[in-house]
């Protein structure tokens, strides 16, 4: 069975010093005897990222080519406008699959990312958005933009954190929106499964901020066999199948 960890960083964070390499992700995910076969990777908020993370996206491109089982997403800074879209196209041309947006780190509101979202919808490419209770990150802020583009897959990272009820409501309202629950508590993760159902959740670890073994241990206390297959495999495969 294909099994996918949908959230892993590579690089060294300028904000907190967290560090992960592609080799660590490969070992922490597919190589950790958890039954994982693939891991999605993208840049962390490293210093000197280049124009709309171009330098760091190039590192992801190289990592994907060198490490079987890694699936690359580019990270974009919408403040760069059309140059961010050009960076997205360059990244896709060189084998990356989707886009990661971090509205807290890059300090932007959803409207600034409208051009990126429109292009992703046209190209049917997946998007991962950092969500939380923090400024610019609340799930409900994305509804007005995302409801205009109902066809491409969107994953709300961390299930909204303290805004988890908002994340559940958004995923219920928008058919193309999924949640992942990395770093969430056992209680909130279980509540999301109960209220949303396994068909709208993908497994993720947020390595190096959490770890696949920790997230898997949490889920092993929650899901049944059918739910595990959906969350760990079927939903992610549905999103990523053209590139697997």
Protein backbone atom coordinates (compact mmCIF):
# COMPACT_ATOMS: atom_id res chain seq x y z
CA UNK A 1 0.00 0.00 0.00
CA UNK A 2 1.21 3.49 -0.84
CA UNK A 3 1.33 5.50 2.39
CA UNK A 4 2.18 9.21 2.42
CA UNK A 5 3.41 11.72 5.00
CA UNK A 6 2.06 15.00 3.60
CA UNK A 7 4.11 17.59 5.55
CA UNK A 8 7.91 17.72 5.91
CA UNK A 9 10.37 20.64 5.84
CA UNK A 10 13.96 20.73 4.68
CA UNK A 11 16.48 23.44 5.52
CA UNK A 12 17.28 25.46 8.67
CA UNK A 13 14.62 27.82 9.99
CA UNK A 14 15.72 31.43 10.46
CA UNK A 15 13.05 31.94 13.13
CA UNK A 16 13.72 29.03 15.49
CA UNK A 17 16.75 27.11 14.20
CA UNK A 18 14.85 23.90 13.41
CA UNK A 19 16.86 21.81 10.96
CA UNK A 20 16.04 18.94 8.65
CA UNK A 21 17.72 17.46 5.60
CA UNK A 22 16.21 15.46 2.79
CA UNK A 23 18.13 12.42 4.03
CA UNK A 24 16.57 12.81 7.50
CA UNK A 25 13.11 13.07 6.03
CA UNK A 26 13.72 9.99 3.96
CA UNK A 27 14.76 8.10 7.08
CA UNK A 28 12.14 9.62 9.38
CA UNK A 29 9.36 8.86 6.92
CA UNK A 30 9.70 5.99 4.42
CA UNK A 31 12.72 4.48 6.22
CA UNK A 32 11.33 4.41 9.75
CA UNK A 33 9.51 1.06 9.53
CA UNK A 34 6.13 2.75 9.85
CA UNK A 35 4.80 1.49 6.54
CA UNK A 36 5.27 4.91 4.92
CA UNK A 37 6.38 4.87 1.30
CA UNK A 38 6.42 8.58 0.37
CA UNK A 39 6.97 11.96 2.03
CA UNK A 40 6.03 15.41 0.77
CA UNK A 41 8.82 17.97 1.30
CA UNK A 42 9.12 21.75 0.94
CA UNK A 43 11.43 24.51 2.25
CA UNK A 44 11.37 25.83 5.79
CA UNK A 45 11.70 29.61 6.37
CA UNK A 46 15.44 29.63 5.77
CA UNK A 47 17.60 32.77 5.46
CA UNK A 48 18.31 34.14 1.98
CA UNK A 49 15.57 32.10 0.26
CA UNK A 50 15.92 33.83 -3.10
CA UNK A 51 13.09 35.39 -5.12
CA UNK A 52 9.92 33.76 -3.83
CA UNK A 53 12.00 30.92 -2.31
CA UNK A 54 13.70 30.17 -5.64
CA UNK A 55 17.02 29.13 -4.09
CA UNK A 56 15.38 26.81 -1.59
CA UNK A 57 12.95 25.39 -4.14
CA UNK A 58 15.98 24.44 -6.23
CA UNK A 59 17.26 22.46 -3.25
CA UNK A 60 13.93 20.61 -3.10
CA UNK A 61 14.16 19.89 -6.84
CA UNK A 62 17.60 18.34 -6.30
CA UNK A 63 16.46 16.36 -3.25
CA UNK A 64 13.51 14.85 -5.09
CA UNK A 65 15.72 13.76 -7.97
CA UNK A 66 18.19 12.12 -5.58
CA UNK A 67 15.81 10.45 -3.15
CA UNK A 68 13.18 7.97 -4.20
CA UNK A 69 9.93 8.38 -2.33
CA UNK A 70 10.19 12.15 -1.84
CA UNK A 71 7.53 14.36 -3.46
CA UNK A 72 8.46 18.03 -3.76
CA UNK A 73 6.31 21.11 -3.27
CA UNK A 74 7.63 24.62 -3.89
CA UNK A 75 7.21 27.28 -1.26
CA UNK A 76 6.11 30.70 -2.53
CA UNK A 77 6.00 34.23 -1.17
CA UNK A 78 2.98 36.00 -2.71
CA UNK A 79 4.55 39.42 -2.10
CA UNK A 80 6.61 38.77 -5.24
CA UNK A 81 3.46 38.87 -7.38
CA UNK A 82 4.01 37.61 -10.92
CA UNK A 83 7.55 36.55 -10.05
CA UNK A 84 6.07 34.11 -7.55
CA UNK A 85 3.90 32.63 -10.30
CA UNK A 86 6.94 32.38 -12.56
CA UNK A 87 8.79 30.58 -9.76
CA UNK A 88 5.87 28.20 -9.39
CA UNK A 89 5.95 27.39 -13.12
CA UNK A 90 9.72 26.88 -13.01
CA UNK A 91 9.37 24.53 -10.06
CA UNK A 92 6.66 22.50 -11.78
CA UNK A 93 8.76 22.30 -14.95
CA UNK A 94 11.56 20.74 -12.89
CA UNK A 95 9.41 18.11 -11.24
CA UNK A 96 7.79 19.70 -8.20
CA UNK A 97 4.13 18.91 -7.70
CA UNK A 98 2.34 21.56 -5.65
CA UNK A 99 2.67 24.71 -3.53
CA UNK A 100 3.14 25.44 0.18
CA UNK A 101 1.97 28.81 1.52
CA UNK A 102 2.78 30.09 5.01
CA UNK A 103 0.75 33.25 5.68
CA UNK A 104 2.32 33.82 9.12
CA UNK A 105 5.97 33.58 8.05
CA UNK A 106 5.41 35.59 4.88
CA UNK A 107 2.87 37.92 6.59
CA UNK A 108 0.13 38.02 3.97
CA UNK A 109 -3.64 37.83 3.78
CA UNK A 110 -5.34 35.33 1.44
CA UNK A 111 -6.24 37.98 -1.16
CA UNK A 112 -2.55 38.46 -1.94
CA UNK A 113 -2.35 34.79 -3.01
CA UNK A 114 -5.33 35.00 -5.40
CA UNK A 115 -3.15 34.79 -8.52
CA UNK A 116 -1.35 31.70 -7.23
CA UNK A 117 -4.62 30.02 -6.26
CA UNK A 118 -6.14 30.76 -9.67
CA UNK A 119 -3.15 29.19 -11.43
CA UNK A 120 -3.23 26.12 -9.19
CA UNK A 121 -6.91 25.63 -9.95
CA UNK A 122 -6.27 25.92 -13.68
CA UNK A 123 -3.39 23.44 -13.49
CA UNK A 124 -5.16 21.14 -10.97
CA UNK A 125 -2.14 21.20 -8.65
CA UNK A 126 -2.39 20.76 -4.84
CA UNK A 127 -1.90 23.50 -2.26
CA UNK A 128 -0.88 23.20 1.40
CA UNK A 129 -1.69 26.20 3.62
CA UNK A 130 -0.36 26.75 7.13
CA UNK A 131 -3.41 27.35 9.33
CA UNK A 132 -3.76 28.24 12.99
CA UNK A 133 -5.35 30.76 15.35
CA UNK A 134 -2.55 33.25 14.58
CA UNK A 135 -2.80 36.49 12.59
CA UNK A 136 -3.43 35.82 8.86
CA UNK A 137 -3.73 32.07 9.45
CA UNK A 138 -7.33 31.42 10.50
CA UNK A 139 -9.06 28.89 8.19
CA UNK A 140 -12.20 31.02 7.77
CA UNK A 141 -10.12 33.78 6.15
CA UNK A 142 -9.54 31.52 3.14
CA UNK A 143 -13.19 30.67 2.42
CA UNK A 144 -14.05 33.62 0.16
CA UNK A 145 -11.04 32.91 -2.07
CA UNK A 146 -11.14 29.12 -2.12
CA UNK A 147 -14.86 28.84 -2.83
CA UNK A 148 -14.19 30.52 -6.22
CA UNK A 149 -11.88 27.64 -7.14
CA UNK A 150 -13.61 24.36 -6.17
CA UNK A 151 -11.67 21.94 -8.37
CA UNK A 152 -8.07 21.70 -7.14
CA UNK A 153 -7.10 20.00 -3.84
CA UNK A 154 -6.27 22.12 -0.78
CA UNK A 155 -4.82 20.82 2.49
CA UNK A 156 -5.17 22.95 5.64
CA UNK A 157 -2.08 22.15 7.70
CA UNK A 158 -2.33 21.48 11.45
CA UNK A 159 -6.13 21.37 11.29
CA UNK A 160 -6.26 25.05 12.25
CA UNK A 161 -4.52 24.46 15.63
CA UNK A 162 -6.61 26.40 18.18
CA UNK A 163 -8.99 27.32 15.34
CA UNK A 164 -9.71 23.63 14.70
CA UNK A 165 -13.49 24.14 14.77
CA UNK A 166 -13.09 26.67 11.95
CA UNK A 167 -10.98 24.21 9.97
CA UNK A 168 -13.64 21.53 10.33
CA UNK A 169 -16.32 23.96 9.15
CA UNK A 170 -14.26 25.03 6.12
CA UNK A 171 -13.54 21.42 5.11
CA UNK A 172 -17.23 20.59 5.43
CA UNK A 173 -18.22 23.58 3.32
CA UNK A 174 -15.65 23.21 0.54
CA UNK A 175 -15.52 19.80 -1.17
CA UNK A 176 -11.89 20.13 -2.30
CA UNK A 177 -10.49 20.96 1.16
CA UNK A 178 -8.75 18.38 3.36
CA UNK A 179 -7.22 18.67 6.82
CA UNK A 180 -4.01 17.26 8.23
CA UNK A 181 -3.55 17.11 11.99
CA UNK A 182 0.21 17.33 12.60
CA UNK A 183 1.10 18.75 16.05
CA UNK A 184 -2.55 18.67 17.17
CA UNK A 185 -3.49 17.03 20.45
CA UNK A 186 -4.95 13.55 20.65
CA UNK A 187 -8.34 15.01 21.64
CA UNK A 188 -8.54 17.49 18.75
CA UNK A 189 -7.35 14.92 16.23
CA UNK A 190 -10.02 12.48 17.37
CA UNK A 191 -12.66 15.21 17.27
CA UNK A 192 -11.72 16.14 13.69
CA UNK A 193 -12.10 12.52 12.63
CA UNK A 194 -15.46 12.26 14.39
CA UNK A 195 -16.89 15.47 12.92
CA UNK A 196 -15.32 15.40 9.47
CA UNK A 197 -14.81 11.74 8.62
CA UNK A 198 -11.77 9.91 7.30
CA UNK A 199 -12.44 10.88 3.68
CA UNK A 200 -11.30 14.47 4.32
CA UNK A 201 -8.05 13.88 6.25
CA UNK A 202 -4.47 13.12 5.20
CA UNK A 203 -1.63 11.95 7.44
CA UNK A 204 1.23 14.39 8.11
CA UNK A 205 4.07 14.79 10.58
CA UNK A 206 5.39 18.38 10.21
CA UNK A 207 8.94 17.03 10.58
CA UNK A 208 11.19 18.31 12.20
CA UNK A 209 8.63 20.09 14.43
CA UNK A 210 6.97 16.77 15.15
CA UNK A 211 7.94 13.28 14.01
CA UNK A 212 6.22 10.55 11.98
CA UNK A 213 6.56 8.09 14.86
CA UNK A 214 4.80 10.49 17.24
CA UNK A 215 2.00 11.32 14.81
CA UNK A 216 1.54 7.66 13.91
CA UNK A 217 1.37 6.69 17.58
CA UNK A 218 -1.36 9.28 18.09
CA UNK A 219 -3.36 8.05 15.13
CA UNK A 220 -2.94 4.38 16.07
CA UNK A 221 -5.03 5.12 19.16
CA UNK A 222 -7.77 6.70 17.05
CA UNK A 223 -8.33 5.16 13.63
CA UNK A 224 -9.75 1.77 12.67
CA UNK A 225 -8.38 -0.24 9.75
CA UNK A 226 -10.69 1.34 7.16
CA UNK A 227 -10.01 4.87 8.41
CA UNK A 228 -6.28 4.23 8.44
CA UNK A 229 -6.33 3.18 4.81
CA UNK A 230 -8.19 6.34 3.82
CA UNK A 231 -6.10 8.79 5.86
CA UNK A 232 -2.70 7.23 5.27
CA UNK A 233 -3.20 6.19 1.65
CA UNK A 234 -6.38 6.65 -0.37
CA UNK A 235 -6.95 10.38 0.16
CA UNK A 236 -3.34 11.32 -0.46
CA UNK A 237 -3.12 9.05 -3.50
CA UNK A 238 -6.24 10.72 -4.90
CA UNK A 239 -4.53 14.09 -4.57
CA UNK A 240 -1.08 13.06 -5.80
CA UNK A 241 -1.82 10.19 -8.19
CA UNK A 242 -0.60 11.95 -11.40
CA UNK A 243 2.85 12.28 -9.83
CA UNK A 244 3.29 9.00 -8.00
